Amino acid sequence: MKQVKQRNVRELGTGRDDLVAILRRVCGGVIALVFAMGLAISTAGAQSPEPGIQSLPEVASEQWQAVITGQVAAFRAGEDGQALSFAARSFQSAYADPEEFVAAIRFGGYGPILDSKSHVFGEFRFNGTDRVVQTVTFFAPGQLAFEAVYQLGLEGSGWRIEMVILQAGTGVGV
């Protein structure tokens, strides 16, 4: 099955209230609160992007969406090292062995992403000067839908995946 084309992508407001509203809709209130608290902690020491990196308002969504799609394609192809290369430095330093990384992802309940047949991008929101939060719907075998919220940050010259929250969706793919 081909990847579903992008739909309904729009930039949200820049306030934390917008992010929490998305998370409540996608993940439920408790997870949204925990995620929002994590964002507050993770952005407390955030630095400006390195010289030569565009600020978020100048960046096209295709740049970070390509990182998500690249990691998902690597998961689907069984290319563990490539999948790990899209993750933030914190993941790369914690998992020297790419197979351990993928095993931890699967054990952590993220199998629907690894096993997905297609995905589609939803809403996104800028979070400061060097982070974006992107919603993604994944369609697993049997066309079950799963909603994910990704946080990506700029590292070096590109985007890296910092965090993902996944929840079973309410619908099925067509």
N, C-alpha and C. Protein backbone atom coordinates (compact mmCIF):
# COMPACT_ATOMS: atom_id res chain seq x y z
N MET A 1 0.84 -1.17 0.00
CA MET A 1 0.00 0.00 0.00
C MET A 1 0.89 1.24 0.00
N LYS A 2 0.57 2.20 -0.83
CA LYS A 2 1.34 3.42 -0.90
C LYS A 2 1.07 4.29 0.32
N GLN A 3 2.05 5.15 0.61
CA GLN A 3 1.86 6.10 1.71
C GLN A 3 0.75 7.06 1.31
N VAL A 4 -0.13 7.33 2.24
CA VAL A 4 -1.22 8.26 2.00
C VAL A 4 -0.65 9.66 1.91
N LYS A 5 -1.13 10.44 0.96
CA LYS A 5 -0.63 11.81 0.82
C LYS A 5 -1.05 12.65 2.01
N GLN A 6 -0.30 13.71 2.21
CA GLN A 6 -0.54 14.64 3.32
C GLN A 6 -1.94 15.23 3.19
N ARG A 7 -2.60 15.39 4.35
CA ARG A 7 -3.93 16.00 4.36
C ARG A 7 -4.08 16.88 5.58
N ASN A 8 -4.87 17.89 5.43
CA ASN A 8 -5.25 18.75 6.55
C ASN A 8 -4.07 19.22 7.39
N VAL A 9 -3.00 19.63 6.76
CA VAL A 9 -1.87 20.16 7.51
C VAL A 9 -2.08 21.66 7.64
N ARG A 10 -2.02 22.13 8.87
CA ARG A 10 -2.14 23.56 9.08
C ARG A 10 -1.30 23.93 10.27
N GLU A 11 -0.81 25.13 10.25
CA GLU A 11 -0.02 25.62 11.36
C GLU A 11 -0.97 26.09 12.44
N LEU A 12 -0.71 25.69 13.67
CA LEU A 12 -1.51 26.11 14.80
C LEU A 12 -0.88 27.34 15.44
N GLY A 13 -1.55 27.88 16.42
CA GLY A 13 -1.01 28.99 17.19
C GLY A 13 0.26 28.55 17.88
N THR A 14 0.95 29.49 18.46
CA THR A 14 2.23 29.17 19.08
C THR A 14 2.13 28.97 20.58
N GLY A 15 0.96 29.08 21.17
CA GLY A 15 0.83 28.93 22.61
C GLY A 15 0.77 27.48 23.04
N ARG A 16 1.17 27.22 24.27
CA ARG A 16 1.11 25.86 24.82
C ARG A 16 -0.32 25.35 24.89
N ASP A 17 -1.29 26.25 25.00
CA ASP A 17 -2.70 25.83 25.05
C ASP A 17 -3.10 25.07 23.80
N ASP A 18 -2.58 25.52 22.63
CA ASP A 18 -2.88 24.82 21.38
C ASP A 18 -2.32 23.41 21.40
N LEU A 19 -1.08 23.26 21.88
CA LEU A 19 -0.46 21.94 21.95
C LEU A 19 -1.23 21.03 22.90
N VAL A 20 -1.57 21.54 24.06
CA VAL A 20 -2.30 20.73 25.02
C VAL A 20 -3.66 20.34 24.46
N ALA A 21 -4.31 21.23 23.71
CA ALA A 21 -5.60 20.89 23.10
C ALA A 21 -5.46 19.74 22.10
N ILE A 22 -4.41 19.78 21.30
CA ILE A 22 -4.17 18.69 20.35
C ILE A 22 -3.94 17.39 21.11
N LEU A 23 -3.10 17.46 22.12
CA LEU A 23 -2.77 16.26 22.88
C LEU A 23 -3.99 15.70 23.59
N ARG A 24 -4.82 16.56 24.13
CA ARG A 24 -6.05 16.07 24.79
C ARG A 24 -6.94 15.34 23.79
N ARG A 25 -7.06 15.93 22.58
CA ARG A 25 -7.90 15.30 21.56
C ARG A 25 -7.31 13.97 21.12
N VAL A 26 -6.00 13.93 20.92
CA VAL A 26 -5.36 12.72 20.40
C VAL A 26 -5.08 11.70 21.49
N CYS A 27 -4.60 12.15 22.63
CA CYS A 27 -4.07 11.23 23.63
C CYS A 27 -4.85 11.15 24.93
N GLY A 28 -5.74 12.03 25.17
CA GLY A 28 -6.44 12.04 26.44
C GLY A 28 -5.77 13.01 27.40
N GLY A 29 -6.53 13.46 28.38
CA GLY A 29 -6.11 14.51 29.29
C GLY A 29 -4.86 14.21 30.09
N VAL A 30 -4.76 13.04 30.69
CA VAL A 30 -3.63 12.74 31.57
C VAL A 30 -2.33 12.70 30.79
N ILE A 31 -2.33 11.99 29.66
CA ILE A 31 -1.12 11.92 28.85
C ILE A 31 -0.76 13.30 28.33
N ALA A 32 -1.75 14.10 27.94
CA ALA A 32 -1.48 15.45 27.45
C ALA A 32 -0.80 16.28 28.53
N LEU A 33 -1.27 16.16 29.76
CA LEU A 33 -0.66 16.91 30.85
C LEU A 33 0.78 16.48 31.08
N VAL A 34 1.02 15.17 31.09
CA VAL A 34 2.38 14.66 31.28
C VAL A 34 3.28 15.12 30.14
N PHE A 35 2.78 15.05 28.90
CA PHE A 35 3.56 15.47 27.75
C PHE A 35 3.86 16.96 27.81
N ALA A 36 2.87 17.78 28.17
CA ALA A 36 3.07 19.21 28.27
C ALA A 36 4.10 19.55 29.34
N MET A 37 4.07 18.83 30.46
CA MET A 37 5.07 19.04 31.50
C MET A 37 6.45 18.68 30.97
N GLY A 38 6.55 17.60 30.22
CA GLY A 38 7.82 17.20 29.62
C GLY A 38 8.34 18.24 28.65
N LEU A 39 7.44 18.85 27.88
CA LEU A 39 7.85 19.90 26.96
C LEU A 39 8.39 21.11 27.71
N ALA A 40 7.74 21.45 28.81
CA ALA A 40 8.20 22.59 29.59
C ALA A 40 9.60 22.33 30.12
N ILE A 41 9.85 21.12 30.58
CA ILE A 41 11.18 20.78 31.10
C ILE A 41 12.19 20.75 29.97
N SER A 42 11.83 20.12 28.83
CA SER A 42 12.80 19.96 27.74
C SER A 42 13.14 21.29 27.07
N THR A 43 12.25 22.27 27.12
CA THR A 43 12.53 23.55 26.47
C THR A 43 13.14 24.55 27.43
N ALA A 44 13.24 24.22 28.71
CA ALA A 44 13.77 25.17 29.68
C ALA A 44 15.20 25.58 29.34
N GLY A 45 16.01 24.65 28.87
CA GLY A 45 17.40 24.97 28.54
C GLY A 45 17.64 25.03 27.05
N ALA A 46 16.60 25.22 26.28
CA ALA A 46 16.74 25.19 24.82
C ALA A 46 17.62 26.33 24.33
N GLN A 47 18.45 26.01 23.34
CA GLN A 47 19.33 26.99 22.76
C GLN A 47 18.79 27.39 21.40
N SER A 48 19.25 28.50 20.89
CA SER A 48 18.87 28.93 19.56
C SER A 48 19.44 27.97 18.54
N PRO A 49 18.83 27.89 17.36
CA PRO A 49 19.41 27.04 16.32
C PRO A 49 20.83 27.49 15.99
N GLU A 50 21.63 26.55 15.52
CA GLU A 50 23.01 26.84 15.15
C GLU A 50 23.02 27.76 13.93
N PRO A 51 24.11 28.49 13.73
CA PRO A 51 24.19 29.36 12.55
C PRO A 51 23.93 28.58 11.27
N GLY A 52 23.21 29.19 10.37
CA GLY A 52 22.92 28.55 9.09
C GLY A 52 21.63 27.76 9.08
N ILE A 53 21.04 27.51 10.25
CA ILE A 53 19.77 26.78 10.31
C ILE A 53 18.64 27.79 10.28
N GLN A 54 17.65 27.55 9.45
CA GLN A 54 16.53 28.46 9.35
C GLN A 54 15.71 28.43 10.64
N SER A 55 15.13 29.57 10.98
CA SER A 55 14.21 29.57 12.11
C SER A 55 12.91 28.90 11.65
N LEU A 56 12.14 28.40 12.59
CA LEU A 56 10.97 27.60 12.24
C LEU A 56 9.98 28.28 11.31
N PRO A 57 9.67 29.55 11.47
CA PRO A 57 8.70 30.13 10.53
C PRO A 57 9.15 30.06 9.08
N GLU A 58 10.47 29.93 8.83
CA GLU A 58 10.98 29.87 7.46
C GLU A 58 11.10 28.44 6.95
N VAL A 59 10.84 27.46 7.78
CA VAL A 59 11.06 26.06 7.42
C VAL A 59 9.76 25.44 6.93
N ALA A 60 9.84 24.67 5.88
CA ALA A 60 8.69 23.97 5.34
C ALA A 60 8.45 22.67 6.11
N SER A 61 7.20 22.32 6.32
CA SER A 61 6.86 21.11 7.08
C SER A 61 7.44 19.85 6.44
N GLU A 62 7.71 19.88 5.14
CA GLU A 62 8.25 18.70 4.48
C GLU A 62 9.59 18.28 5.06
N GLN A 63 10.33 19.22 5.64
CA GLN A 63 11.65 18.89 6.17
C GLN A 63 11.55 17.94 7.36
N TRP A 64 10.72 18.26 8.36
CA TRP A 64 10.62 17.36 9.51
C TRP A 64 9.75 16.15 9.19
N GLN A 65 8.78 16.32 8.29
CA GLN A 65 7.96 15.17 7.90
C GLN A 65 8.79 14.14 7.16
N ALA A 66 9.80 14.56 6.43
CA ALA A 66 10.71 13.63 5.75
C ALA A 66 11.49 12.81 6.76
N VAL A 67 11.82 13.39 7.91
CA VAL A 67 12.53 12.66 8.95
C VAL A 67 11.63 11.57 9.53
N ILE A 68 10.38 11.92 9.82
CA ILE A 68 9.44 10.92 10.35
C ILE A 68 9.25 9.80 9.32
N THR A 69 8.99 10.19 8.07
CA THR A 69 8.78 9.19 7.02
C THR A 69 10.03 8.33 6.83
N GLY A 70 11.20 8.94 6.90
CA GLY A 70 12.44 8.19 6.75
C GLY A 70 12.61 7.14 7.84
N GLN A 71 12.31 7.52 9.09
CA GLN A 71 12.44 6.56 10.17
C GLN A 71 11.41 5.44 10.03
N VAL A 72 10.19 5.80 9.68
CA VAL A 72 9.14 4.79 9.52
C VAL A 72 9.51 3.83 8.38
N ALA A 73 10.02 4.37 7.28
CA ALA A 73 10.43 3.52 6.15
C ALA A 73 11.56 2.58 6.58
N ALA A 74 12.48 3.08 7.39
CA ALA A 74 13.57 2.23 7.88
C ALA A 74 13.03 1.13 8.80
N PHE A 75 12.09 1.48 9.68
CA PHE A 75 11.45 0.46 10.52
C PHE A 75 10.81 -0.62 9.65
N ARG A 76 10.05 -0.19 8.66
CA ARG A 76 9.33 -1.14 7.79
C ARG A 76 10.29 -2.04 7.02
N ALA A 77 11.46 -1.51 6.66
CA ALA A 77 12.43 -2.28 5.88
C ALA A 77 13.38 -3.09 6.76
N GLY A 78 13.24 -2.96 8.08
CA GLY A 78 14.13 -3.68 8.98
C GLY A 78 15.54 -3.11 9.03
N GLU A 79 15.70 -1.85 8.67
CA GLU A 79 17.00 -1.18 8.68
C GLU A 79 17.17 -0.45 10.01
N ASP A 80 17.53 -1.20 11.05
CA ASP A 80 17.57 -0.67 12.41
C ASP A 80 18.53 0.51 12.57
N GLY A 81 19.71 0.41 11.98
CA GLY A 81 20.69 1.50 12.09
C GLY A 81 20.18 2.78 11.45
N GLN A 82 19.55 2.64 10.31
CA GLN A 82 18.98 3.81 9.63
C GLN A 82 17.86 4.41 10.48
N ALA A 83 17.02 3.57 11.07
CA ALA A 83 15.93 4.06 11.93
C ALA A 83 16.49 4.85 13.10
N LEU A 84 17.54 4.35 13.72
CA LEU A 84 18.15 5.03 14.86
C LEU A 84 18.76 6.36 14.44
N SER A 85 19.24 6.47 13.20
CA SER A 85 19.89 7.71 12.75
C SER A 85 18.94 8.90 12.72
N PHE A 86 17.63 8.65 12.68
CA PHE A 86 16.65 9.73 12.68
C PHE A 86 16.28 10.18 14.09
N ALA A 87 16.73 9.45 15.09
CA ALA A 87 16.41 9.77 16.48
C ALA A 87 17.37 10.83 17.02
N ALA A 88 16.93 11.50 18.07
CA ALA A 88 17.74 12.53 18.72
C ALA A 88 19.01 11.92 19.31
N ARG A 89 19.99 12.76 19.55
CA ARG A 89 21.27 12.31 20.12
C ARG A 89 21.07 11.52 21.40
N SER A 90 20.11 11.92 22.22
CA SER A 90 19.90 11.22 23.49
C SER A 90 19.56 9.75 23.25
N PHE A 91 18.79 9.44 22.22
CA PHE A 91 18.50 8.05 21.88
C PHE A 91 19.73 7.37 21.30
N GLN A 92 20.44 8.07 20.44
CA GLN A 92 21.61 7.48 19.80
C GLN A 92 22.69 7.13 20.82
N SER A 93 22.85 7.97 21.84
CA SER A 93 23.86 7.65 22.85
C SER A 93 23.37 6.58 23.82
N ALA A 94 22.06 6.48 24.03
CA ALA A 94 21.51 5.46 24.94
C ALA A 94 21.48 4.08 24.29
N TYR A 95 21.42 4.04 22.96
CA TYR A 95 21.32 2.77 22.23
C TYR A 95 22.45 2.67 21.22
N ALA A 96 23.59 2.18 21.66
CA ALA A 96 24.70 1.98 20.73
C ALA A 96 24.38 0.89 19.72
N ASP A 97 23.55 -0.08 20.11
CA ASP A 97 23.15 -1.18 19.24
C ASP A 97 21.77 -0.87 18.66
N PRO A 98 21.68 -0.65 17.34
CA PRO A 98 20.40 -0.32 16.72
C PRO A 98 19.31 -1.38 16.95
N GLU A 99 19.70 -2.66 17.05
CA GLU A 99 18.71 -3.71 17.30
C GLU A 99 18.07 -3.54 18.68
N GLU A 100 18.87 -3.11 19.67
CA GLU A 100 18.33 -2.85 21.00
C GLU A 100 17.35 -1.68 20.96
N PHE A 101 17.66 -0.67 20.16
CA PHE A 101 16.78 0.48 19.99
C PHE A 101 15.42 0.04 19.47
N VAL A 102 15.42 -0.74 18.40
CA VAL A 102 14.16 -1.18 17.81
C VAL A 102 13.42 -2.12 18.76
N ALA A 103 14.14 -2.99 19.47
CA ALA A 103 13.50 -3.87 20.45
C ALA A 103 12.84 -3.05 21.55
N ALA A 104 13.51 -1.99 22.01
CA ALA A 104 12.93 -1.13 23.04
C ALA A 104 11.70 -0.41 22.52
N ILE A 105 11.72 0.02 21.26
CA ILE A 105 10.57 0.69 20.66
C ILE A 105 9.38 -0.28 20.63
N ARG A 106 9.63 -1.50 20.17
CA ARG A 106 8.55 -2.49 20.09
C ARG A 106 8.03 -2.83 21.50
N PHE A 107 8.95 -3.08 22.44
CA PHE A 107 8.57 -3.43 23.80
C PHE A 107 7.80 -2.30 24.47
N GLY A 108 8.11 -1.06 24.10
CA GLY A 108 7.44 0.10 24.68
C GLY A 108 6.04 0.34 24.15
N GLY A 109 5.56 -0.53 23.26
CA GLY A 109 4.19 -0.40 22.76
C GLY A 109 4.06 0.33 21.44
N TYR A 110 5.19 0.56 20.77
CA TYR A 110 5.16 1.30 19.51
C TYR A 110 5.16 0.40 18.28
N GLY A 111 4.83 -0.87 18.46
CA GLY A 111 4.76 -1.81 17.35
C GLY A 111 3.89 -1.33 16.20
N PRO A 112 2.74 -0.68 16.47
CA PRO A 112 1.92 -0.21 15.35
C PRO A 112 2.65 0.75 14.40
N ILE A 113 3.63 1.47 14.90
CA ILE A 113 4.42 2.33 14.00
C ILE A 113 5.36 1.46 13.17
N LEU A 114 6.05 0.53 13.83
CA LEU A 114 6.99 -0.34 13.13
C LEU A 114 6.30 -1.20 12.09
N ASP A 115 5.09 -1.64 12.39
CA ASP A 115 4.36 -2.56 11.51
C ASP A 115 3.38 -1.85 10.58
N SER A 116 3.33 -0.52 10.65
CA SER A 116 2.32 0.22 9.88
C SER A 116 2.48 0.00 8.38
N LYS A 117 1.37 0.12 7.70
CA LYS A 117 1.35 -0.01 6.24
C LYS A 117 1.37 1.34 5.55
N SER A 118 0.85 2.37 6.23
CA SER A 118 0.84 3.72 5.68
C SER A 118 0.66 4.71 6.83
N HIS A 119 0.87 5.96 6.53
CA HIS A 119 0.66 7.01 7.51
C HIS A 119 0.29 8.31 6.80
N VAL A 120 -0.32 9.20 7.56
CA VAL A 120 -0.73 10.50 7.03
C VAL A 120 -0.45 11.56 8.10
N PHE A 121 0.03 12.70 7.66
CA PHE A 121 0.35 13.78 8.58
C PHE A 121 -0.88 14.62 8.86
N GLY A 122 -0.98 15.05 10.10
CA GLY A 122 -2.07 15.92 10.53
C GLY A 122 -1.53 17.29 10.89
N GLU A 123 -2.02 17.83 11.98
CA GLU A 123 -1.66 19.17 12.42
C GLU A 123 -0.23 19.21 12.96
N PHE A 124 0.36 20.39 12.88
CA PHE A 124 1.67 20.59 13.50
C PHE A 124 1.67 21.93 14.19
N ARG A 125 2.63 22.08 15.09
CA ARG A 125 2.74 23.30 15.87
C ARG A 125 4.20 23.56 16.20
N PHE A 126 4.64 24.79 16.06
CA PHE A 126 5.99 25.16 16.45
C PHE A 126 6.04 25.27 17.97
N ASN A 127 7.14 24.82 18.53
CA ASN A 127 7.34 24.87 19.97
C ASN A 127 8.69 25.53 20.22
N GLY A 128 8.69 26.84 20.31
CA GLY A 128 9.93 27.57 20.48
C GLY A 128 10.62 27.79 19.15
N THR A 129 11.93 28.00 19.20
CA THR A 129 12.68 28.32 17.99
C THR A 129 13.31 27.11 17.33
N ASP A 130 13.28 25.95 18.01
CA ASP A 130 14.00 24.80 17.44
C ASP A 130 13.26 23.49 17.63
N ARG A 131 11.95 23.53 17.80
CA ARG A 131 11.16 22.31 17.97
C ARG A 131 9.81 22.43 17.26
N VAL A 132 9.30 21.27 16.87
CA VAL A 132 7.97 21.21 16.27
C VAL A 132 7.27 19.98 16.82
N VAL A 133 5.96 20.08 16.96
CA VAL A 133 5.14 18.94 17.37
C VAL A 133 4.23 18.63 16.18
N GLN A 134 4.24 17.37 15.75
CA GLN A 134 3.54 16.93 14.55
C GLN A 134 2.66 15.73 14.88
N THR A 135 1.38 15.78 14.50
CA THR A 135 0.53 14.60 14.66
C THR A 135 0.60 13.75 13.40
N VAL A 136 0.54 12.44 13.59
CA VAL A 136 0.61 11.48 12.49
C VAL A 136 -0.38 10.36 12.78
N THR A 137 -1.16 9.97 11.77
CA THR A 137 -2.03 8.81 11.90
C THR A 137 -1.37 7.66 11.16
N PHE A 138 -1.21 6.53 11.86
CA PHE A 138 -0.64 5.32 11.28
C PHE A 138 -1.73 4.30 11.06
N PHE A 139 -1.62 3.55 9.98
CA PHE A 139 -2.56 2.48 9.68
C PHE A 139 -1.81 1.16 9.74
N ALA A 140 -2.15 0.37 10.75
CA ALA A 140 -1.49 -0.91 11.00
C ALA A 140 -2.18 -1.99 10.18
N PRO A 141 -1.63 -3.20 10.18
CA PRO A 141 -2.32 -4.30 9.50
C PRO A 141 -3.76 -4.39 9.99
N GLY A 142 -4.65 -4.73 9.09
CA GLY A 142 -6.07 -4.73 9.41
C GLY A 142 -6.69 -3.35 9.34
N GLN A 143 -5.90 -2.37 8.89
CA GLN A 143 -6.31 -0.98 8.73
C GLN A 143 -6.75 -0.30 10.03
N LEU A 144 -6.25 -0.82 11.17
CA LEU A 144 -6.51 -0.14 12.43
C LEU A 144 -5.72 1.16 12.47
N ALA A 145 -6.35 2.22 12.94
CA ALA A 145 -5.70 3.53 12.98
C ALA A 145 -5.10 3.78 14.36
N PHE A 146 -3.91 4.38 14.37
CA PHE A 146 -3.23 4.78 15.60
C PHE A 146 -2.79 6.23 15.44
N GLU A 147 -2.99 7.02 16.48
CA GLU A 147 -2.61 8.42 16.46
C GLU A 147 -1.29 8.60 17.22
N ALA A 148 -0.36 9.31 16.61
CA ALA A 148 0.93 9.59 17.25
C ALA A 148 1.16 11.09 17.29
N VAL A 149 1.83 11.54 18.34
CA VAL A 149 2.27 12.92 18.45
C VAL A 149 3.79 12.87 18.56
N TYR A 150 4.46 13.45 17.59
CA TYR A 150 5.92 13.49 17.55
C TYR A 150 6.40 14.86 17.98
N GLN A 151 7.51 14.89 18.72
CA GLN A 151 8.24 16.13 18.92
C GLN A 151 9.59 15.95 18.27
N LEU A 152 9.94 16.90 17.40
CA LEU A 152 11.23 16.89 16.72
C LEU A 152 11.97 18.17 17.08
N GLY A 153 13.29 18.06 17.15
CA GLY A 153 14.12 19.21 17.43
C GLY A 153 15.24 19.32 16.41
N LEU A 154 15.73 20.54 16.24
CA LEU A 154 16.87 20.76 15.35
C LEU A 154 18.14 20.37 16.09
N GLU A 155 18.92 19.50 15.46
CA GLU A 155 20.23 19.10 15.98
C GLU A 155 21.21 19.17 14.83
N GLY A 156 22.28 19.92 15.03
CA GLY A 156 23.24 20.07 13.94
C GLY A 156 22.57 20.70 12.74
N SER A 157 22.58 20.00 11.64
CA SER A 157 22.03 20.56 10.40
C SER A 157 20.66 20.00 10.05
N GLY A 158 20.02 19.28 10.96
CA GLY A 158 18.73 18.71 10.59
C GLY A 158 17.84 18.38 11.78
N TRP A 159 16.67 17.88 11.46
CA TRP A 159 15.66 17.51 12.43
C TRP A 159 15.92 16.11 12.96
N ARG A 160 15.63 15.89 14.24
CA ARG A 160 15.73 14.58 14.87
C ARG A 160 14.51 14.38 15.76
N ILE A 161 14.09 13.14 15.84
CA ILE A 161 12.91 12.78 16.64
C ILE A 161 13.30 12.69 18.10
N GLU A 162 12.64 13.48 18.93
CA GLU A 162 12.94 13.53 20.36
C GLU A 162 11.96 12.72 21.20
N MET A 163 10.70 12.66 20.77
CA MET A 163 9.68 12.04 21.60
C MET A 163 8.49 11.65 20.73
N VAL A 164 7.84 10.53 21.10
CA VAL A 164 6.63 10.10 20.41
C VAL A 164 5.65 9.57 21.45
N ILE A 165 4.41 9.97 21.30
CA ILE A 165 3.33 9.41 22.12
C ILE A 165 2.36 8.74 21.14
N LEU A 166 1.96 7.51 21.42
CA LEU A 166 1.10 6.75 20.53
C LEU A 166 -0.14 6.27 21.27
N GLN A 167 -1.29 6.35 20.60
CA GLN A 167 -2.54 5.87 21.15
C GLN A 167 -3.38 5.27 20.02
N ALA A 168 -4.12 4.22 20.35
CA ALA A 168 -5.02 3.63 19.36
C ALA A 168 -6.04 4.69 18.96
N GLY A 169 -6.29 4.79 17.67
CA GLY A 169 -7.26 5.74 17.16
C GLY A 169 -8.67 5.20 17.26
N THR A 170 -9.60 6.01 16.85
CA THR A 170 -11.01 5.62 16.94
C THR A 170 -11.55 5.12 15.61
N GLY A 171 -10.77 5.16 14.56
CA GLY A 171 -11.27 4.77 13.26
C GLY A 171 -10.44 3.70 12.60
N VAL A 172 -10.75 3.44 11.35
CA VAL A 172 -10.00 2.49 10.55
C VAL A 172 -9.66 3.16 9.22
N GLY A 173 -8.61 2.66 8.57
CA GLY A 173 -8.22 3.19 7.28
C GLY A 173 -9.16 2.69 6.18
N VAL A 174 -9.20 3.44 5.11
CA VAL A 174 -10.03 3.02 3.96
C VAL A 174 -9.16 2.82 2.74
